[in-house]
């Protein structure tokens, strides 16, 4: 049995769905954890810049929603690619899957180049609009302009991730992105501290790491011996396939982008509470992401799992996978949140060591965010299901509703009509996460688990796969 056949059996036939989800999610979990460790290491060394630790942390924290706004368009393309390509794979239309992957590559490259220019030249205006001044303005603009040069590479890598993940290969992309992250972790302290480059050093470390590692991903995208690959001969514009990808990507991309803009607005509001609150918010998010990323990995695998089973005309297995993923995600978040809750003060002390006010705020923030993290397990499972079924409009609805319909209005209300201070932010986040799972369930009941691509009836003999 070939590697591709083993993966198809695992996703389409293996009775132990938990095993399949875990096997495929572990590489993504490792990759996401490496990214988190990189973010934590970046924040650790940036916080060691003498005399401006809180300001330096704030400079990077302010850029997060801006970077995410640009990356959200690539993420939306990746979501569309995974959904549609996985359905072709599940239906055993391999050449059609390759054709869509090739069209996805071209779209990603063009969009990445356009956004690179927009990010570089727009950064000063964006950070000014967010209210950044002085040290934070100068360093956040430099950080964004440096990272603008990596956007074309990252967008093509999103296409690579979607293509490989759609065929059940979650390990291959980890070799590439994991190598880049490890290299980044090595370069960050060198650029920030040894070369005395400060906050921009963190951006240079990321850019150089990606320049070195990502070309290997491009090579696998074209020449891998297993899974779906792309072909130059299939990159000639196919209006139907391109529009299908874009139409599916638009709700996911728009939802991600609007969410990122909302986080920018949130950062602006939080910035009004002072540097101490922003530093606490940034550190708390970096630390809690250590347990959030594994659940995001399960959601990513769930998308491909459901997509392939829908393509194979097996909606019952797709629905069963949703239930198992929900249990796995919520359980993971509950255990992780409890562990982090116990040691949160020690972890925060690694990053905020000269500011007792910011330290106390971070401890308070992490308590509220951690007790509500199991709700994020529910949220991510719904997202993975909507994306895998191609119902990206539902992903748009819950992403935008959670932030713009619930969290931002609550934060504004808490700030203007209560005396809760920074705690009003934490309460608003917890309430919004609680309400959105109800909205998510209502939308889930509308999912039809039907293919969003043209499928062929699969002969019974072609679906008889042997156990691994």
Protein backbone atom coordinates (compact mmCIF):
# COMPACT_ATOMS: atom_id res chain seq x y z
CA UNK A 1 0.00 0.00 0.00
CA UNK A 2 1.45 3.40 -1.00
CA UNK A 3 1.66 6.37 1.37
CA UNK A 4 -1.23 8.06 -0.41
CA UNK A 5 -3.39 4.94 -0.10
CA UNK A 6 -2.60 4.70 3.62
CA UNK A 7 -3.69 8.28 4.16
CA UNK A 8 -6.85 7.76 2.16
CA UNK A 9 -7.68 4.70 4.24
CA UNK A 10 -6.99 6.56 7.49
CA UNK A 11 -9.29 9.42 6.51
CA UNK A 12 -12.01 7.53 4.65
CA UNK A 13 -12.20 4.06 6.21
CA UNK A 14 -10.35 3.59 9.52
CA UNK A 15 -12.91 2.98 12.27
CA UNK A 16 -10.81 4.77 14.90
CA UNK A 17 -11.44 8.38 13.92
CA UNK A 18 -9.68 9.66 17.04
CA UNK A 19 -6.50 7.92 15.87
CA UNK A 20 -6.71 9.52 12.44
CA UNK A 21 -7.32 13.01 13.84
CA UNK A 22 -4.45 12.72 16.30
CA UNK A 23 -1.97 11.22 13.82
CA UNK A 24 -2.65 13.95 11.28
CA UNK A 25 -2.90 16.75 13.87
CA UNK A 26 0.33 15.99 15.75
CA UNK A 27 2.63 17.44 13.05
CA UNK A 28 0.52 20.61 12.90
CA UNK A 29 0.49 20.80 16.70
CA UNK A 30 4.27 20.56 16.79
CA UNK A 31 4.56 23.21 14.10
CA UNK A 32 2.16 25.55 15.89
CA UNK A 33 3.92 25.02 19.20
CA UNK A 34 7.24 25.84 17.57
CA UNK A 35 5.71 29.04 16.22
CA UNK A 36 4.42 29.87 19.68
CA UNK A 37 7.81 29.22 21.25
CA UNK A 38 9.31 31.48 18.62
CA UNK A 39 6.82 34.24 19.49
CA UNK A 40 7.56 33.75 23.18
CA UNK A 41 11.31 33.85 22.58
CA UNK A 42 10.93 36.98 20.45
CA UNK A 43 8.91 38.60 23.21
CA UNK A 44 11.40 37.41 25.84
CA UNK A 45 14.41 39.04 24.19
CA UNK A 46 12.49 42.14 23.13
CA UNK A 47 11.41 42.55 26.76
CA UNK A 48 15.09 42.53 27.73
CA UNK A 49 15.85 45.72 25.78
CA UNK A 50 17.16 47.98 28.59
CA UNK A 51 14.81 50.65 29.89
CA UNK A 52 11.99 50.10 27.38
CA UNK A 53 10.79 46.53 28.01
CA UNK A 54 7.06 47.34 28.14
CA UNK A 55 7.31 49.76 25.21
CA UNK A 56 9.19 47.20 23.09
CA UNK A 57 6.62 44.50 23.84
CA UNK A 58 3.86 46.96 22.98
CA UNK A 59 5.51 47.79 19.63
CA UNK A 60 5.25 44.17 18.49
CA UNK A 61 1.82 43.64 20.02
CA UNK A 62 0.46 46.61 18.05
CA UNK A 63 1.63 45.07 14.76
CA UNK A 64 -0.13 41.75 15.29
CA UNK A 65 -3.56 42.71 13.89
CA UNK A 66 -1.91 44.49 10.95
CA UNK A 67 0.22 41.49 10.02
CA UNK A 68 -2.78 39.23 10.50
CA UNK A 69 -4.94 41.43 8.26
CA UNK A 70 -2.56 40.86 5.34
CA UNK A 71 -2.03 37.19 6.12
CA UNK A 72 -5.79 36.63 6.46
CA UNK A 73 -6.21 36.83 2.69
CA UNK A 74 -3.66 34.05 2.27
CA UNK A 75 -5.33 32.06 5.03
CA UNK A 76 -8.66 32.42 3.22
CA UNK A 77 -7.10 31.06 0.03
CA UNK A 78 -5.66 28.18 2.02
CA UNK A 79 -9.09 27.40 3.49
CA UNK A 80 -10.67 27.40 0.03
CA UNK A 81 -7.88 25.26 -1.39
CA UNK A 82 -8.12 22.68 1.38
CA UNK A 83 -11.91 22.46 1.11
CA UNK A 84 -12.13 22.06 -2.67
CA UNK A 85 -8.96 20.06 -3.30
CA UNK A 86 -9.77 17.61 -0.49
CA UNK A 87 -13.21 16.98 -1.98
CA UNK A 88 -11.60 16.16 -5.34
CA UNK A 89 -9.13 13.84 -3.58
CA UNK A 90 -11.92 12.12 -1.69
CA UNK A 91 -13.74 11.61 -4.99
CA UNK A 92 -10.51 10.22 -6.51
CA UNK A 93 -10.26 13.02 -9.10
CA UNK A 94 -6.51 13.46 -8.65
CA UNK A 95 -5.78 15.36 -11.87
CA UNK A 96 -8.60 17.79 -11.13
CA UNK A 97 -7.14 18.27 -7.66
CA UNK A 98 -3.73 19.05 -9.20
CA UNK A 99 -5.35 21.53 -11.59
CA UNK A 100 -7.00 23.42 -8.72
CA UNK A 101 -3.74 23.35 -6.73
CA UNK A 102 -1.88 24.88 -9.67
CA UNK A 103 -4.46 27.66 -10.03
CA UNK A 104 -4.21 28.27 -6.27
CA UNK A 105 -0.43 28.70 -6.59
CA UNK A 106 -0.78 31.47 -9.18
CA UNK A 107 -3.48 33.31 -7.23
CA UNK A 108 -1.41 33.17 -4.05
CA UNK A 109 1.76 34.47 -5.71
CA UNK A 110 0.04 37.42 -7.39
CA UNK A 111 -1.86 38.39 -4.25
CA UNK A 112 1.28 38.10 -2.11
CA UNK A 113 3.19 40.50 -4.37
CA UNK A 114 0.39 43.07 -4.37
CA UNK A 115 0.02 42.98 -0.59
CA UNK A 116 3.78 43.26 -0.10
CA UNK A 117 3.70 46.69 -1.74
CA UNK A 118 0.59 47.68 0.21
CA UNK A 119 2.13 46.65 3.53
CA UNK A 120 5.45 48.41 2.95
CA UNK A 121 4.06 51.75 1.84
CA UNK A 122 0.95 51.71 4.03
CA UNK A 123 2.59 50.86 7.37
CA UNK A 124 3.25 54.46 8.51
CA UNK A 125 -0.35 55.46 7.90
CA UNK A 126 -1.76 52.32 9.52
CA UNK A 127 0.26 52.64 12.72
CA UNK A 128 -0.52 56.35 12.94
CA UNK A 129 -4.23 55.58 12.59
CA UNK A 130 -3.92 53.04 15.41
CA UNK A 131 -2.65 55.79 17.68
CA UNK A 132 0.98 54.65 17.97
CA UNK A 133 3.42 57.43 18.86
CA UNK A 134 7.06 57.87 19.75
CA UNK A 135 9.06 54.70 20.34
CA UNK A 136 6.10 52.42 19.59
CA UNK A 137 5.34 54.15 16.28
CA UNK A 138 8.90 54.11 14.98
CA UNK A 139 9.56 50.49 15.88
CA UNK A 140 6.19 49.10 14.81
CA UNK A 141 6.48 50.76 11.37
CA UNK A 142 10.01 49.38 10.89
CA UNK A 143 8.83 45.93 11.98
CA UNK A 144 5.95 45.91 9.48
CA UNK A 145 8.01 47.23 6.57
CA UNK A 146 10.67 44.57 7.04
CA UNK A 147 8.11 41.78 7.23
CA UNK A 148 6.36 43.06 4.08
CA UNK A 149 9.09 41.44 1.98
CA UNK A 150 8.12 37.95 3.13
CA UNK A 151 4.47 38.13 2.02
CA UNK A 152 4.92 36.65 -1.50
CA UNK A 153 6.82 33.69 -0.03
CA UNK A 154 4.28 33.16 2.73
CA UNK A 155 1.29 33.30 0.39
CA UNK A 156 2.75 30.62 -1.84
CA UNK A 157 3.50 28.61 1.28
CA UNK A 158 -0.18 28.90 2.23
CA UNK A 159 -0.99 27.32 -1.12
CA UNK A 160 1.56 24.60 -0.39
CA UNK A 161 0.02 23.93 3.04
CA UNK A 162 -3.50 23.73 1.61
CA UNK A 163 -2.45 21.38 -1.19
CA UNK A 164 -0.54 18.99 1.03
CA UNK A 165 -3.09 19.08 3.85
CA UNK A 166 -5.95 18.37 1.45
CA UNK A 167 -4.31 15.06 0.53
CA UNK A 168 -3.64 14.16 4.18
CA UNK A 169 0.02 15.20 4.29
CA UNK A 170 0.41 17.24 7.45
CA UNK A 171 4.01 16.17 8.10
CA UNK A 172 5.69 17.48 4.92
CA UNK A 173 4.85 21.16 5.50
CA UNK A 174 6.06 20.89 9.10
CA UNK A 175 9.57 19.99 7.95
CA UNK A 176 9.71 23.27 6.06
CA UNK A 177 7.93 25.68 8.38
CA UNK A 178 9.37 23.98 11.47
CA UNK A 179 12.89 24.44 10.13
CA UNK A 180 12.16 28.12 9.48
CA UNK A 181 10.84 28.59 13.01
CA UNK A 182 13.82 26.87 14.63
CA UNK A 183 16.21 28.98 12.55
CA UNK A 184 14.19 32.04 13.56
CA UNK A 185 14.53 31.18 17.24
CA UNK A 186 18.29 31.00 16.80
CA UNK A 187 18.55 34.26 14.87
CA UNK A 188 16.16 36.35 17.00
CA UNK A 189 18.42 36.77 20.07
CA UNK A 190 21.42 37.33 17.79
CA UNK A 191 19.74 40.10 15.81
CA UNK A 192 17.93 41.66 18.80
CA UNK A 193 20.67 41.51 21.44
CA UNK A 194 24.04 40.70 19.88
CA UNK A 195 23.66 43.00 16.85
CA UNK A 196 21.73 45.45 19.05
CA UNK A 197 18.99 45.87 16.43
CA UNK A 198 16.15 45.98 18.97
CA UNK A 199 12.57 45.43 17.78
CA UNK A 200 13.44 45.50 14.03
CA UNK A 201 15.88 42.65 14.72
CA UNK A 202 12.92 40.35 15.43
CA UNK A 203 11.49 41.15 11.98
CA UNK A 204 14.83 40.63 10.22
CA UNK A 205 15.22 37.25 11.92
CA UNK A 206 11.82 36.15 10.62
CA UNK A 207 12.50 37.40 7.10
CA UNK A 208 15.91 35.74 6.81
CA UNK A 209 14.61 32.44 8.20
CA UNK A 210 11.81 32.32 5.65
CA UNK A 211 14.14 33.25 2.80
CA UNK A 212 16.31 30.27 3.65
CA UNK A 213 13.67 27.64 4.43
CA UNK A 214 10.63 28.28 2.24
CA UNK A 215 12.23 27.54 -1.18
CA UNK A 216 12.42 23.90 -0.05
CA UNK A 217 8.64 24.00 0.32
CA UNK A 218 8.28 25.28 -3.22
CA UNK A 219 10.38 22.38 -4.46
CA UNK A 220 8.11 19.85 -2.70
CA UNK A 221 5.06 21.62 -4.09
CA UNK A 222 6.25 20.82 -7.61
CA UNK A 223 8.22 17.59 -7.25
CA UNK A 224 6.96 15.62 -4.21
CA UNK A 225 6.59 11.91 -4.96
CA UNK A 226 3.40 11.58 -2.92
CA UNK A 227 0.26 13.66 -2.47
CA UNK A 228 -0.97 16.45 -4.71
CA UNK A 229 1.59 18.51 -6.64
CA UNK A 230 1.31 21.48 -8.99
CA UNK A 231 2.37 21.72 -12.61
CA UNK A 232 3.45 24.65 -14.80
CA UNK A 233 1.30 23.28 -17.63
CA UNK A 234 -1.79 23.60 -15.40
CA UNK A 235 -1.11 27.23 -14.41
CA UNK A 236 -2.66 28.70 -17.52
CA UNK A 237 -5.62 30.78 -16.39
CA UNK A 238 -8.76 28.71 -15.92
CA UNK A 239 -11.49 31.24 -15.23
CA UNK A 240 -13.94 28.69 -13.85
CA UNK A 241 -11.49 27.10 -11.40
CA UNK A 242 -10.01 30.46 -10.39
CA UNK A 243 -13.42 31.98 -9.70
CA UNK A 244 -14.48 28.85 -7.80
CA UNK A 245 -11.44 29.19 -5.54
CA UNK A 246 -11.87 32.93 -5.11
CA UNK A 247 -15.61 32.64 -4.46
CA UNK A 248 -14.96 30.06 -1.74
CA UNK A 249 -12.02 32.06 -0.33
CA UNK A 250 -13.76 35.44 -0.16
CA UNK A 251 -15.96 34.75 2.91
CA UNK A 252 -13.07 33.15 4.82
CA UNK A 253 -10.57 35.83 3.79
CA UNK A 254 -12.99 38.67 4.44
CA UNK A 255 -13.95 37.24 7.79
CA UNK A 256 -10.31 36.88 8.78
CA UNK A 257 -9.46 40.37 7.52
CA UNK A 258 -12.40 42.04 9.25
CA UNK A 259 -11.50 40.14 12.40
CA UNK A 260 -7.90 41.34 12.14
CA UNK A 261 -9.06 44.93 11.65
CA UNK A 262 -11.27 44.45 14.69
CA UNK A 263 -8.27 43.28 16.69
CA UNK A 264 -6.51 46.44 15.51
CA UNK A 265 -9.40 48.48 16.88
CA UNK A 266 -9.27 46.41 20.07
CA UNK A 267 -5.56 47.14 20.37
CA UNK A 268 -6.28 50.83 19.91
CA UNK A 269 -8.87 50.72 22.70
CA UNK A 270 -6.56 48.71 24.93
CA UNK A 271 -3.70 51.12 24.15
CA UNK A 272 -5.88 53.81 25.69
CA UNK A 273 -5.64 51.99 29.01
CA UNK A 274 -1.85 52.46 28.96
CA UNK A 275 1.30 50.54 28.10
CA UNK A 276 0.96 48.28 31.16
CA UNK A 277 -2.39 46.91 29.98
CA UNK A 278 -1.12 46.39 26.42
CA UNK A 279 1.94 44.52 27.71
CA UNK A 280 -0.26 42.32 29.92
CA UNK A 281 -2.59 41.61 27.01
CA UNK A 282 0.30 40.71 24.70
CA UNK A 283 2.07 38.43 27.16
CA UNK A 284 -1.18 36.71 28.14
CA UNK A 285 -2.05 36.02 24.51
CA UNK A 286 1.41 34.64 23.73
CA UNK A 287 1.29 32.25 26.67
CA UNK A 288 -2.28 31.04 26.17
CA UNK A 289 -1.57 30.42 22.48
CA UNK A 290 0.62 27.49 23.59
CA UNK A 291 -2.55 25.49 24.21
CA UNK A 292 -4.74 27.21 21.63
CA UNK A 293 -2.55 26.24 18.67
CA UNK A 294 -2.95 22.47 19.17
CA UNK A 295 -6.72 22.87 18.94
CA UNK A 296 -6.32 25.00 15.82
CA UNK A 297 -4.32 22.08 14.39
CA UNK A 298 -7.22 19.73 15.08
CA UNK A 299 -9.54 22.20 13.33
CA UNK A 300 -7.22 22.29 10.31
CA UNK A 301 -7.10 18.50 10.07
CA UNK A 302 -10.86 18.33 10.57
CA UNK A 303 -11.33 20.51 7.49
CA UNK A 304 -9.41 18.08 5.24
CA UNK A 305 -10.97 15.04 6.95
CA UNK A 306 -14.50 16.29 6.36
CA UNK A 307 -13.68 17.50 2.83
CA UNK A 308 -12.39 14.10 1.72
CA UNK A 309 -15.34 12.23 3.22
CA UNK A 310 -17.82 14.59 1.57
CA UNK A 311 -16.03 14.06 -1.72
CA UNK A 312 -16.26 10.30 -1.14
CA UNK A 313 -20.03 10.75 -0.67
CA UNK A 314 -19.91 9.63 2.96
CA UNK A 315 -21.61 12.44 4.94
CA UNK A 316 -22.29 10.15 7.92
CA UNK A 317 -18.56 9.69 8.53
CA UNK A 318 -18.01 13.45 8.10
CA UNK A 319 -20.59 14.17 10.81
CA UNK A 320 -19.09 11.53 13.12
CA UNK A 321 -15.67 13.13 12.63
CA UNK A 322 -17.11 16.48 13.73
CA UNK A 323 -18.37 14.95 16.99
CA UNK A 324 -15.08 13.22 17.75
CA UNK A 325 -13.09 16.37 16.96
CA UNK A 326 -15.32 18.38 19.31
CA UNK A 327 -14.64 16.02 22.21
CA UNK A 328 -10.91 15.97 21.47
CA UNK A 329 -10.65 19.76 21.16
CA UNK A 330 -12.61 20.65 24.29
CA UNK A 331 -10.76 18.02 26.34
CA UNK A 332 -7.38 19.28 25.16
CA UNK A 333 -8.26 22.86 26.01
CA UNK A 334 -9.60 21.99 29.45
CA UNK A 335 -6.48 20.06 30.47
CA UNK A 336 -4.09 22.63 28.99
CA UNK A 337 -5.91 25.58 30.55
CA UNK A 338 -5.83 23.97 33.99
CA UNK A 339 -2.09 23.33 33.77
CA UNK A 340 -1.31 26.85 32.57
CA UNK A 341 -3.58 28.37 35.20
CA UNK A 342 -1.48 26.81 37.97
CA UNK A 343 1.89 28.09 36.69
CA UNK A 344 0.82 31.37 35.06
CA UNK A 345 2.54 33.65 37.57
CA UNK A 346 5.91 31.95 37.09
CA UNK A 347 5.58 32.19 33.30
CA UNK A 348 4.55 35.83 33.34
CA UNK A 349 7.53 36.62 35.57
CA UNK A 350 9.85 35.55 32.75
CA UNK A 351 8.64 38.43 30.58
CA UNK A 352 7.47 41.16 32.94
CA UNK A 353 10.17 41.45 35.55
CA UNK A 354 10.45 45.19 36.22
CA UNK A 355 6.84 46.34 36.17
CA UNK A 356 4.59 45.13 39.04
CA UNK A 357 1.49 46.83 37.60
CA UNK A 358 1.77 45.08 34.24
CA UNK A 359 2.54 41.81 36.05
CA UNK A 360 -0.63 42.01 38.16
CA UNK A 361 -2.73 42.85 35.10
CA UNK A 362 -1.30 39.88 33.17
CA UNK A 363 -2.06 37.50 36.05
CA UNK A 364 -5.64 38.78 36.19
CA UNK A 365 -6.09 38.60 32.40
CA UNK A 366 -4.79 35.05 32.12
CA UNK A 367 -7.23 33.83 34.77
CA UNK A 368 -10.24 34.98 32.78
CA UNK A 369 -8.94 33.90 29.39
CA UNK A 370 -7.93 30.44 30.65
CA UNK A 371 -11.25 29.56 32.30
CA UNK A 372 -12.95 30.27 28.98
CA UNK A 373 -10.50 28.45 26.71
CA UNK A 374 -12.60 25.25 26.36
CA UNK A 375 -15.09 27.48 24.56
CA UNK A 376 -12.39 28.17 21.97
CA UNK A 377 -12.17 24.41 21.40
CA UNK A 378 -15.85 24.50 20.43
CA UNK A 379 -15.30 27.57 18.24
CA UNK A 380 -12.35 26.05 16.35
CA UNK A 381 -14.26 22.80 15.74
CA UNK A 382 -17.15 24.71 14.20
CA UNK A 383 -14.69 26.67 12.05
CA UNK A 384 -12.99 23.49 10.80
CA UNK A 385 -16.38 21.99 9.94
CA UNK A 386 -17.64 25.04 8.07
CA UNK A 387 -14.39 25.25 6.10
CA UNK A 388 -14.23 21.54 5.31
CA UNK A 389 -17.77 21.51 3.97
CA UNK A 390 -17.08 24.61 1.89
CA UNK A 391 -19.55 26.68 3.91
CA UNK A 392 -17.05 29.48 4.41
CA UNK A 393 -19.89 31.99 4.70
CA UNK A 394 -20.60 30.51 8.13
CA UNK A 395 -16.93 30.94 9.08
CA UNK A 396 -17.34 34.59 8.12
CA UNK A 397 -20.48 34.99 10.21
CA UNK A 398 -19.14 33.59 13.48
CA UNK A 399 -15.72 35.24 13.13
CA UNK A 400 -17.20 38.69 12.52
CA UNK A 401 -20.05 38.29 15.03
CA UNK A 402 -17.69 37.21 17.84
CA UNK A 403 -15.54 40.32 17.50
CA UNK A 404 -17.64 43.08 15.94
CA UNK A 405 -21.07 42.01 17.14
CA UNK A 406 -20.09 41.05 20.67
CA UNK A 407 -16.57 41.75 21.92
CA UNK A 408 -15.92 45.29 20.66
CA UNK A 409 -19.34 46.66 21.72
CA UNK A 410 -18.88 45.02 25.13
CA UNK A 411 -15.40 46.48 25.58
CA UNK A 412 -16.65 49.95 24.66
CA UNK A 413 -19.61 49.58 27.02
CA UNK A 414 -17.42 48.35 29.88
CA UNK A 415 -15.01 51.23 29.37
CA UNK A 416 -17.60 53.99 29.18
CA UNK A 417 -20.31 52.81 31.56
CA UNK A 418 -18.55 50.80 34.28
CA UNK A 419 -15.70 51.26 36.75
CA UNK A 420 -14.12 47.88 35.99
CA UNK A 421 -11.03 49.33 34.33
CA UNK A 422 -8.87 46.77 32.51
CA UNK A 423 -11.00 43.93 33.91
CA UNK A 424 -13.80 45.04 31.62
CA UNK A 425 -11.70 43.84 28.68
CA UNK A 426 -11.27 40.40 30.21
CA UNK A 427 -15.01 40.08 31.01
CA UNK A 428 -15.92 41.12 27.47
CA UNK A 429 -13.68 38.46 25.94
CA UNK A 430 -15.14 35.72 28.13
CA UNK A 431 -18.74 36.72 27.42
CA UNK A 432 -18.17 36.93 23.66
CA UNK A 433 -16.62 33.44 23.59
CA UNK A 434 -19.58 32.04 25.52
CA UNK A 435 -22.27 33.59 23.32
CA UNK A 436 -20.57 32.70 20.02
CA UNK A 437 -20.68 28.96 20.66
CA UNK A 438 -24.47 29.24 20.70
CA UNK A 439 -24.37 31.07 17.37
CA UNK A 440 -21.95 28.44 16.06
CA UNK A 441 -24.33 25.62 16.97
CA UNK A 442 -27.24 27.32 15.20
CA UNK A 443 -25.15 27.65 12.04
CA UNK A 444 -23.90 24.07 12.30
CA UNK A 445 -27.48 22.82 12.08
CA UNK A 446 -27.65 24.47 8.63
CA UNK A 447 -24.60 22.62 7.22
CA UNK A 448 -25.70 20.15 4.54
CA UNK A 449 -22.47 18.05 4.20
CA UNK A 450 -22.83 17.99 0.42
CA UNK A 451 -19.94 18.33 -2.08
CA UNK A 452 -19.11 21.83 -3.34
CA UNK A 453 -17.34 20.42 -6.42
CA UNK A 454 -18.55 18.31 -9.33
CA UNK A 455 -18.23 14.73 -8.10
CA UNK A 456 -18.44 11.41 -9.85
CA UNK A 457 -20.12 8.36 -8.45
CA UNK A 458 -17.38 6.20 -6.95
CA UNK A 459 -17.47 2.53 -8.01
CA UNK A 460 -17.70 0.27 -4.98
CA UNK A 461 -14.48 -1.55 -5.89
CA UNK A 462 -12.45 1.66 -5.89
CA UNK A 463 -13.39 2.45 -2.32
CA UNK A 464 -12.25 -0.85 -0.84
CA UNK A 465 -9.06 0.21 0.90
CA UNK A 466 -7.07 -2.14 3.11
CA UNK A 467 -6.16 -1.32 6.71
CA UNK A 468 -2.78 0.24 7.41
